[in-house]
Amino acid sequence: MANNSGTDPGFRNQVDGPLSARPFRWFFAGRIVSVLGSSMTPVALAFAVLETTSSPEYLGFVLAAAMVPEIVFVIIGGSVADRWRRDVLLRITNAGAGLSQACVAFCVLTKQDPLFLILLAPVNGTLQAFISPAMQGIVPQLVDSANIQKANSMLSASRNAARILGPSAAGVLVAVAGGGWAIALDAASFLIAAACLTCVVLPAKAKSTSANLLRDLREGWTYFSSTPWIWSITLAFMFLNAIQMGVWQVLGPSIASTTIGATGWGLVASVKAAGLVIASLAMIKIAVRRPLLIGLIAMSATAIPLVLLGTGSNLILLATATFVSGLGSALFGIVWDTVRQRNIPNTMISRVTSYDDFGSYVAIPVGQLAVVPIASAAGMPQVAILGGITYFVIALLPLTLHSVRNLAATGATAL
């Protein structure tokens, strides 16, 4: 198998697990701290904005101001991550995110004009657009191919565990000290992550033969658009994410208020998070021969809670289906990261995955905005049921392609 990572063998361990490699240990430690801090931010920011403005609409403006540049700049972020050393790029972006969040915390704690929150939000969103592609490319540079799935499973488990612990910790901190201090803790987590990354030093990259950024972007697009197993799944997730975020996040609470209630809805969310964590831990040990085949079948289980939501199912049945959905979502996420990191040349992976991220997320705002008028015309339960059925069909459509069904777990694309 060709070694397409561009990594010095000293960074790899061919026998033991990912944590046996010192650079990955520091990377993993920094990532745990960072995701725990970031998981606190949504709750902290929501209450901080409400403390400052008493306006839910203003919170929407702040969130949009962060999300739009993240989507817009992710493709450029992918090209930069392929050109630069990713360890250096992650140190800079994490330090920058820490400083920008510190400014947000300062504005909240000192009760500055809330307009500053809207002005600072794009800074953090832009930095996140550079962090995500670099994250995809650096994992294969820190562990050997056999340990990539284990590494991704560990990262997924820590991320999903943070989704359970972070909001609760943020709620307590907001109640005791206010939202500003919770955001300050997130700022500190980025700075700690940047410090941990100083212990991750990759070999210097060869100088790029490309004369300009546009050429790099074209090369990434050519690879992406000529590889059916990548673009077909990206296209599917453009619709899947729009359906999921629209039906589940926007309509879900309203439907639940008339069926299982707010408490039941919170329990369902917690059960899904538990499924995400359990599957992430299980995937450290489980090897999948046909990762995309199994992954897409597992992902299609997300359709079941959508249908049950629309049919007014009882709490036990909906929670069970949501738990299974969490298992399937985590399994697919891990195998998707793994097959991309094993099959896409490391010199191009950040660019290719940035196109994947852009395509997968660009339609989310459309789904969130369009689902309400559609539900007003057709009815919320009907939209949830139709959304679930559509989700199931679209999730399995990529399997009509031979390259998706038969991509092996150990396949690699030579440089």
Protein backbone atom coordinates (compact mmCIF):
# COMPACT_ATOMS: atom_id res chain seq x y z
CA MET A 1 0.00 0.00 0.00
CA ALA A 2 1.36 3.41 -0.92
CA ASN A 3 2.16 5.77 1.90
CA ASN A 4 0.34 8.92 0.77
CA SER A 5 0.47 10.77 4.07
CA GLY A 6 3.63 12.76 3.52
CA THR A 7 4.57 11.95 7.11
CA ASP A 8 7.89 11.06 8.64
CA PRO A 9 7.75 7.43 9.90
CA GLY A 10 8.79 8.68 13.33
CA PHE A 11 5.30 10.04 13.76
CA ARG A 12 3.72 6.63 13.27
CA ASN A 13 3.43 3.47 15.31
CA GLN A 14 2.65 0.38 13.30
CA VAL A 15 1.70 -1.94 16.17
CA ASP A 16 0.12 -0.13 19.12
CA GLY A 17 -2.90 2.15 19.24
CA PRO A 18 -2.99 5.85 18.32
CA LEU A 19 -2.14 7.02 21.84
CA SER A 20 1.22 5.28 21.63
CA ALA A 21 2.32 8.10 19.29
CA ARG A 22 3.34 11.15 21.34
CA PRO A 23 2.22 13.76 18.75
CA PHE A 24 -1.27 12.23 18.62
CA ARG A 25 -1.46 12.20 22.43
CA TRP A 26 -0.88 15.95 22.55
CA PHE A 27 -3.23 16.53 19.63
CA PHE A 28 -5.93 14.42 21.31
CA ALA A 29 -5.48 16.21 24.65
CA GLY A 30 -5.83 19.60 22.99
CA ARG A 31 -8.87 18.45 21.06
CA ILE A 32 -10.63 17.19 24.20
CA VAL A 33 -10.14 20.55 25.93
CA SER A 34 -11.24 22.47 22.83
CA VAL A 35 -14.45 20.52 22.12
CA LEU A 36 -15.47 20.64 25.79
CA GLY A 37 -15.10 24.42 25.79
CA SER A 38 -16.87 24.78 22.43
CA SER A 39 -19.78 22.59 23.57
CA MET A 40 -20.46 25.12 26.33
CA THR A 41 -20.63 28.09 23.98
CA PRO A 42 -24.14 27.66 22.45
CA VAL A 43 -25.81 27.71 25.87
CA ALA A 44 -23.50 30.40 27.23
CA LEU A 45 -23.82 32.62 24.15
CA ALA A 46 -27.61 32.29 24.07
CA PHE A 47 -27.98 33.46 27.66
CA ALA A 48 -25.26 36.07 27.27
CA VAL A 49 -27.03 37.65 24.29
CA LEU A 50 -30.37 37.53 26.09
CA GLU A 51 -28.76 39.11 29.16
CA THR A 52 -27.41 41.92 26.99
CA THR A 53 -30.28 42.49 24.54
CA SER A 54 -33.35 40.52 25.75
CA SER A 55 -33.89 39.75 22.04
CA PRO A 56 -34.06 36.21 20.54
CA GLU A 57 -33.83 37.81 17.08
CA TYR A 58 -30.47 39.31 17.99
CA LEU A 59 -29.20 35.86 18.91
CA GLY A 60 -30.19 34.69 15.42
CA PHE A 61 -28.14 37.51 13.90
CA VAL A 62 -25.10 36.56 15.99
CA LEU A 63 -25.35 32.87 15.05
CA ALA A 64 -25.82 33.68 11.35
CA ALA A 65 -22.86 36.09 11.46
CA ALA A 66 -20.66 33.17 12.55
CA MET A 67 -22.15 30.47 10.31
CA VAL A 68 -22.10 32.33 6.98
CA PRO A 69 -18.33 33.00 6.84
CA GLU A 70 -17.64 29.45 8.02
CA ILE A 71 -19.51 28.10 4.99
CA VAL A 72 -18.14 30.72 2.59
CA PHE A 73 -14.46 30.34 3.54
CA VAL A 74 -14.26 26.57 4.15
CA ILE A 75 -13.13 25.88 0.56
CA ILE A 76 -10.33 28.45 0.82
CA GLY A 77 -9.47 26.95 4.21
CA GLY A 78 -9.02 23.57 2.55
CA SER A 79 -6.57 24.95 0.02
CA VAL A 80 -4.56 26.76 2.70
CA ALA A 81 -4.42 23.59 4.82
CA ASP A 82 -2.96 21.64 1.88
CA ARG A 83 -0.36 24.33 1.22
CA TRP A 84 0.80 24.97 4.80
CA ARG A 85 1.96 22.73 7.60
CA ARG A 86 -1.25 21.79 9.36
CA ASP A 87 0.27 21.82 12.83
CA VAL A 88 1.27 25.48 12.37
CA LEU A 89 -2.11 26.37 10.87
CA LEU A 90 -4.00 24.76 13.77
CA ARG A 91 -1.84 26.52 16.34
CA ILE A 92 -2.53 29.89 14.71
CA THR A 93 -6.27 29.33 14.22
CA ASN A 94 -6.83 27.95 17.73
CA ALA A 95 -4.93 30.88 19.24
CA GLY A 96 -6.95 33.27 17.08
CA ALA A 97 -10.22 31.64 18.10
CA GLY A 98 -9.18 31.89 21.75
CA LEU A 99 -8.47 35.60 21.41
CA SER A 100 -11.73 36.29 19.54
CA GLN A 101 -13.76 34.42 22.15
CA ALA A 102 -11.92 36.31 24.88
CA CYS A 103 -13.07 39.54 23.24
CA VAL A 104 -16.65 38.23 23.17
CA ALA A 105 -16.40 37.35 26.87
CA PHE A 106 -15.02 40.82 27.63
CA CYS A 107 -17.92 42.47 25.77
CA VAL A 108 -20.47 40.42 27.70
CA LEU A 109 -18.85 40.80 31.11
CA THR A 110 -18.42 44.55 30.74
CA LYS A 111 -21.84 44.99 29.08
CA GLN A 112 -20.52 46.59 25.89
CA ASP A 113 -22.76 47.48 22.96
CA PRO A 114 -24.18 44.14 21.66
CA LEU A 115 -23.27 45.22 18.13
CA PHE A 116 -19.71 44.13 18.99
CA LEU A 117 -20.97 40.52 19.27
CA ILE A 118 -22.16 40.61 15.66
CA LEU A 119 -18.85 42.12 14.57
CA LEU A 120 -16.79 39.48 16.41
CA ALA A 121 -18.87 36.47 15.36
CA PRO A 122 -17.54 36.41 11.74
CA VAL A 123 -13.97 36.29 13.06
CA ASN A 124 -14.58 33.05 14.91
CA GLY A 125 -16.63 31.63 12.01
CA THR A 126 -13.81 32.37 9.57
CA LEU A 127 -11.23 30.72 11.82
CA GLN A 128 -13.41 27.62 12.11
CA ALA A 129 -13.45 27.43 8.30
CA PHE A 130 -9.68 26.91 8.41
CA ILE A 131 -9.67 24.57 11.42
CA SER A 132 -12.03 21.93 10.00
CA PRO A 133 -10.10 21.07 6.77
CA ALA A 134 -6.78 21.05 8.64
CA MET A 135 -8.25 18.63 11.20
CA GLN A 136 -9.14 16.16 8.44
CA GLY A 137 -5.66 16.22 6.98
CA ILE A 138 -3.60 16.06 10.15
CA VAL A 139 -4.94 12.77 11.58
CA PRO A 140 -3.33 10.57 8.87
CA GLN A 141 -0.07 12.41 9.53
CA LEU A 142 -0.09 11.43 13.20
CA VAL A 143 -1.10 7.74 13.08
CA ASP A 144 -0.59 4.86 10.68
CA SER A 145 -3.32 3.71 8.31
CA ALA A 146 -4.32 0.79 10.51
CA ASN A 147 -4.99 3.15 13.43
CA ILE A 148 -6.92 5.86 11.56
CA GLN A 149 -10.35 4.44 12.42
CA LYS A 150 -9.36 4.04 16.08
CA ALA A 151 -8.13 7.63 16.15
CA ASN A 152 -11.34 8.91 14.55
CA SER A 153 -13.42 6.84 16.98
CA MET A 154 -11.58 8.34 19.95
CA LEU A 155 -12.02 11.86 18.59
CA SER A 156 -15.71 11.18 17.93
CA ALA A 157 -16.24 9.75 21.43
CA SER A 158 -14.64 12.79 23.06
CA ARG A 159 -16.66 15.16 20.87
CA ASN A 160 -19.96 13.42 21.61
CA ALA A 161 -19.23 13.12 25.33
CA ALA A 162 -18.56 16.86 25.34
CA ARG A 163 -22.01 17.40 23.80
CA ILE A 164 -23.48 15.77 26.91
CA LEU A 165 -21.27 17.37 29.56
CA GLY A 166 -20.68 20.80 28.01
CA PRO A 167 -24.24 22.20 27.90
CA SER A 168 -24.94 21.03 31.45
CA ALA A 169 -21.71 22.59 32.73
CA ALA A 170 -22.48 25.79 30.82
CA GLY A 171 -25.97 25.93 32.35
CA VAL A 172 -24.54 25.68 35.86
CA LEU A 173 -21.84 28.27 35.14
CA VAL A 174 -24.36 30.67 33.58
CA ALA A 175 -26.63 30.31 36.62
CA VAL A 176 -23.78 30.88 39.07
CA ALA A 177 -21.58 33.44 37.32
CA GLY A 178 -23.23 34.46 34.03
CA GLY A 179 -22.76 33.64 30.35
CA GLY A 180 -19.66 35.77 29.98
CA TRP A 181 -17.56 33.54 32.21
CA ALA A 182 -18.65 30.41 30.31
CA ILE A 183 -17.52 32.05 27.06
CA ALA A 184 -14.26 33.02 28.78
CA LEU A 185 -13.75 29.35 29.61
CA ASP A 186 -14.24 28.49 25.93
CA ALA A 187 -11.61 31.11 25.05
CA ALA A 188 -9.20 29.49 27.51
CA SER A 189 -9.89 26.06 25.99
CA PHE A 190 -8.80 27.28 22.53
CA LEU A 191 -5.60 28.74 23.98
CA ILE A 192 -4.86 25.50 25.87
CA ALA A 193 -5.43 23.56 22.65
CA ALA A 194 -2.98 25.85 20.84
CA ALA A 195 -0.44 25.23 23.61
CA CYS A 196 -0.89 21.45 23.30
CA LEU A 197 -0.35 21.71 19.55
CA THR A 198 3.09 23.22 20.13
CA CYS A 199 4.11 19.64 21.02
CA VAL A 200 2.88 18.41 17.62
CA VAL A 201 5.60 19.21 15.10
CA LEU A 202 5.20 17.83 11.58
CA PRO A 203 7.95 17.57 8.96
CA ALA A 204 8.29 20.59 6.70
CA LYS A 205 6.13 20.45 3.58
CA ALA A 206 7.60 20.46 0.12
CA LYS A 207 7.09 23.77 -1.62
CA SER A 208 3.85 23.84 -3.61
CA THR A 209 4.26 23.62 -7.37
CA SER A 210 1.07 25.62 -7.79
CA ALA A 211 1.52 29.28 -8.64
CA ASN A 212 -1.74 30.49 -7.15
CA LEU A 213 -4.65 29.66 -4.90
CA LEU A 214 -7.16 29.38 -7.75
CA ARG A 215 -5.18 26.58 -9.34
CA ASP A 216 -5.18 24.70 -6.04
CA LEU A 217 -8.94 25.13 -5.80
CA ARG A 218 -9.40 23.79 -9.34
CA GLU A 219 -7.24 20.76 -8.58
CA GLY A 220 -9.30 20.01 -5.49
CA TRP A 221 -12.55 20.41 -7.43
CA THR A 222 -11.31 18.17 -10.24
CA TYR A 223 -10.47 15.39 -7.80
CA PHE A 224 -13.75 15.85 -5.92
CA SER A 225 -15.99 15.95 -9.01
CA SER A 226 -14.25 13.00 -10.70
CA THR A 227 -14.55 10.68 -7.67
CA PRO A 228 -18.12 9.29 -7.57
CA TRP A 229 -17.97 7.83 -4.06
CA ILE A 230 -17.20 11.31 -2.69
CA TRP A 231 -19.50 13.59 -4.66
CA SER A 232 -22.48 11.21 -4.53
CA ILE A 233 -22.45 11.13 -0.73
CA THR A 234 -21.87 14.88 -0.51
CA LEU A 235 -24.87 15.44 -2.78
CA ALA A 236 -26.98 13.11 -0.66
CA PHE A 237 -26.02 14.90 2.54
CA MET A 238 -26.87 18.27 1.04
CA PHE A 239 -30.49 17.10 1.21
CA LEU A 240 -30.19 14.90 4.30
CA ASN A 241 -28.83 17.71 6.47
CA ALA A 242 -31.47 20.15 5.20
CA ILE A 243 -34.23 17.65 6.05
CA GLN A 244 -32.76 16.70 9.42
CA MET A 245 -32.11 20.26 10.59
CA GLY A 246 -35.44 21.53 9.29
CA VAL A 247 -37.74 18.77 10.52
CA TRP A 248 -35.97 17.70 13.71
CA GLN A 249 -34.54 20.99 14.98
CA VAL A 250 -37.21 23.43 13.81
CA LEU A 251 -40.45 21.42 13.80
CA GLY A 252 -39.42 18.84 16.40
CA PRO A 253 -39.90 20.93 19.55
CA SER A 254 -43.28 22.20 18.35
CA ILE A 255 -44.56 18.70 17.57
CA ALA A 256 -43.12 17.33 20.81
CA SER A 257 -44.90 20.00 22.86
CA THR A 258 -48.24 18.41 21.93
CA THR A 259 -47.09 14.79 22.28
CA ILE A 260 -44.25 13.93 24.67
CA GLY A 261 -43.74 17.41 26.16
CA ALA A 262 -40.61 19.45 26.75
CA THR A 263 -39.23 17.03 29.34
CA GLY A 264 -39.69 14.09 26.98
CA TRP A 265 -38.01 16.03 24.17
CA GLY A 266 -35.02 16.71 26.39
CA LEU A 267 -34.81 13.02 27.27
CA VAL A 268 -34.90 12.08 23.58
CA ALA A 269 -32.00 14.47 22.89
CA SER A 270 -29.98 12.95 25.74
CA VAL A 271 -30.67 9.41 24.54
CA LYS A 272 -29.40 10.28 21.07
CA ALA A 273 -26.22 11.72 22.56
CA ALA A 274 -25.74 8.49 24.52
CA GLY A 275 -26.07 6.52 21.28
CA LEU A 276 -23.43 8.71 19.65
CA VAL A 277 -20.97 8.09 22.50
CA ILE A 278 -21.58 4.32 22.69
CA ALA A 279 -21.12 3.83 18.94
CA SER A 280 -17.96 5.95 18.96
CA LEU A 281 -16.45 3.81 21.71
CA ALA A 282 -17.52 0.58 19.99
CA MET A 283 -15.91 1.63 16.70
CA ILE A 284 -12.51 1.71 18.40
CA LYS A 285 -12.65 -2.12 18.28
CA ILE A 286 -14.99 -2.87 15.37
CA ALA A 287 -13.60 -3.18 11.82
CA VAL A 288 -15.98 -2.69 8.88
CA ARG A 289 -15.20 -4.42 5.57
CA ARG A 290 -17.47 -2.28 3.40
CA PRO A 291 -17.57 0.98 5.35
CA LEU A 292 -19.75 3.09 3.05
CA LEU A 293 -22.26 0.29 2.50
CA ILE A 294 -22.68 -0.33 6.23
CA GLY A 295 -22.36 3.36 7.08
CA LEU A 296 -25.14 4.54 4.77
CA ILE A 297 -27.46 1.75 5.90
CA ALA A 298 -26.77 2.78 9.50
CA MET A 299 -27.30 6.45 8.64
CA SER A 300 -30.69 5.70 7.07
CA ALA A 301 -31.94 4.80 10.57
CA THR A 302 -32.18 8.55 11.22
CA ALA A 303 -35.36 8.46 9.12
CA ILE A 304 -37.19 6.38 11.74
CA PRO A 305 -37.42 9.05 14.49
CA LEU A 306 -38.63 11.58 11.91
CA VAL A 307 -41.51 9.32 10.90
CA LEU A 308 -42.34 8.45 14.52
CA LEU A 309 -42.29 12.14 15.40
CA GLY A 310 -44.92 12.80 12.76
CA THR A 311 -47.12 9.87 13.80
CA GLY A 312 -47.22 11.07 17.42
CA SER A 313 -45.39 8.04 18.78
CA ASN A 314 -45.03 7.50 22.53
CA LEU A 315 -41.88 8.51 24.38
CA ILE A 316 -40.36 5.03 24.77
CA LEU A 317 -40.64 4.18 21.08
CA LEU A 318 -39.35 7.57 19.93
CA ALA A 319 -36.45 7.49 22.41
CA THR A 320 -35.48 3.98 21.29
CA ALA A 321 -35.51 5.00 17.63
CA THR A 322 -33.51 8.11 18.42
CA PHE A 323 -30.92 6.04 20.30
CA VAL A 324 -30.54 3.80 17.24
CA SER A 325 -30.27 6.93 15.10
CA GLY A 326 -27.42 8.13 17.31
CA LEU A 327 -25.63 4.82 16.89
CA GLY A 328 -25.99 5.00 13.11
CA SER A 329 -24.93 8.64 12.86
CA ALA A 330 -21.75 8.06 14.86
CA LEU A 331 -20.88 4.93 12.89
CA PHE A 332 -21.26 6.72 9.56
CA GLY A 333 -19.31 9.78 10.73
CA ILE A 334 -16.35 7.64 11.80
CA VAL A 335 -16.21 5.47 8.67
CA TRP A 336 -16.67 8.54 6.44
CA ASP A 337 -13.72 10.32 8.02
CA THR A 338 -11.68 7.12 7.85
CA VAL A 339 -12.30 6.28 4.18
CA ARG A 340 -11.53 9.85 3.14
CA GLN A 341 -8.28 9.87 5.10
CA ARG A 342 -7.23 6.47 3.72
CA ASN A 343 -8.22 7.04 0.11
CA ILE A 344 -7.59 10.70 -0.65
CA PRO A 345 -3.92 11.73 -1.05
CA ASN A 346 -2.85 13.71 2.00
CA THR A 347 -1.53 16.49 -0.24
CA MET A 348 -5.11 17.09 -1.42
CA ILE A 349 -7.35 15.88 1.41
CA SER A 350 -8.05 19.27 2.98
CA ARG A 351 -9.21 20.75 -0.33
CA VAL A 352 -11.38 17.76 -1.20
CA THR A 353 -12.99 17.53 2.25
CA SER A 354 -13.65 21.28 2.22
CA TYR A 355 -15.77 20.81 -0.92
CA ASP A 356 -17.51 17.96 0.89
CA ASP A 357 -18.17 20.16 3.94
CA PHE A 358 -19.43 23.03 1.81
CA GLY A 359 -21.80 20.85 -0.18
CA SER A 360 -23.07 19.02 2.89
CA TYR A 361 -23.88 22.16 4.90
CA VAL A 362 -24.78 24.82 2.35
CA ALA A 363 -28.46 23.83 2.21
CA ILE A 364 -29.02 23.72 5.98
CA PRO A 365 -30.28 27.33 6.20
CA VAL A 366 -32.64 26.60 3.30
CA GLY A 367 -34.12 23.64 5.15
CA GLN A 368 -34.48 25.60 8.35
CA LEU A 369 -36.23 28.49 6.61
CA ALA A 370 -38.37 26.51 4.15
CA VAL A 371 -39.78 23.91 6.55
CA VAL A 372 -42.03 26.35 8.44
CA PRO A 373 -44.04 27.64 5.43
CA ILE A 374 -44.26 24.10 4.05
CA ALA A 375 -45.55 22.84 7.41
CA SER A 376 -48.05 25.72 7.56
CA ALA A 377 -49.50 24.58 4.25
CA ALA A 378 -49.33 20.79 4.68
CA GLY A 379 -49.26 20.30 8.46
CA MET A 380 -46.31 19.61 10.74
CA PRO A 381 -46.95 15.86 11.28
CA GLN A 382 -47.32 15.28 7.54
CA VAL A 383 -44.09 17.12 6.78
CA ALA A 384 -42.24 15.11 9.44
CA ILE A 385 -43.48 11.81 8.01
CA LEU A 386 -42.72 12.79 4.40
CA GLY A 387 -39.34 14.12 5.52
CA GLY A 388 -38.50 10.79 7.16
CA ILE A 389 -39.46 8.77 4.10
CA THR A 390 -37.50 11.09 1.81
CA TYR A 391 -34.52 10.93 4.15
CA PHE A 392 -34.50 7.12 4.03
CA VAL A 393 -34.57 7.01 0.23
CA ILE A 394 -31.88 9.67 -0.26
CA ALA A 395 -29.57 8.07 2.34
CA LEU A 396 -29.52 4.83 0.34
CA LEU A 397 -29.33 6.35 -3.17
CA PRO A 398 -25.50 6.51 -3.27
CA LEU A 399 -25.44 2.72 -2.86
CA THR A 400 -26.63 2.43 -6.47
CA LEU A 401 -23.03 3.26 -7.41
CA HIS A 402 -20.55 0.37 -7.50
CA SER A 403 -17.72 2.51 -6.12
CA VAL A 404 -19.78 3.31 -3.01
CA ARG A 405 -21.02 -0.22 -2.32
CA ASN A 406 -17.66 -1.87 -2.78
CA LEU A 407 -15.15 0.61 -1.38
CA ALA A 408 -12.98 -1.49 0.93
CA ALA A 409 -11.93 -0.36 4.38
CA THR A 410 -8.24 -0.75 3.54
CA GLY A 411 -8.32 0.81 0.09
CA ALA A 412 -5.85 3.57 -0.68
CA THR A 413 -5.33 5.87 -3.58
CA ALA A 414 -1.69 6.08 -4.64
CA LEU A 415 -0.18 9.47 -5.30
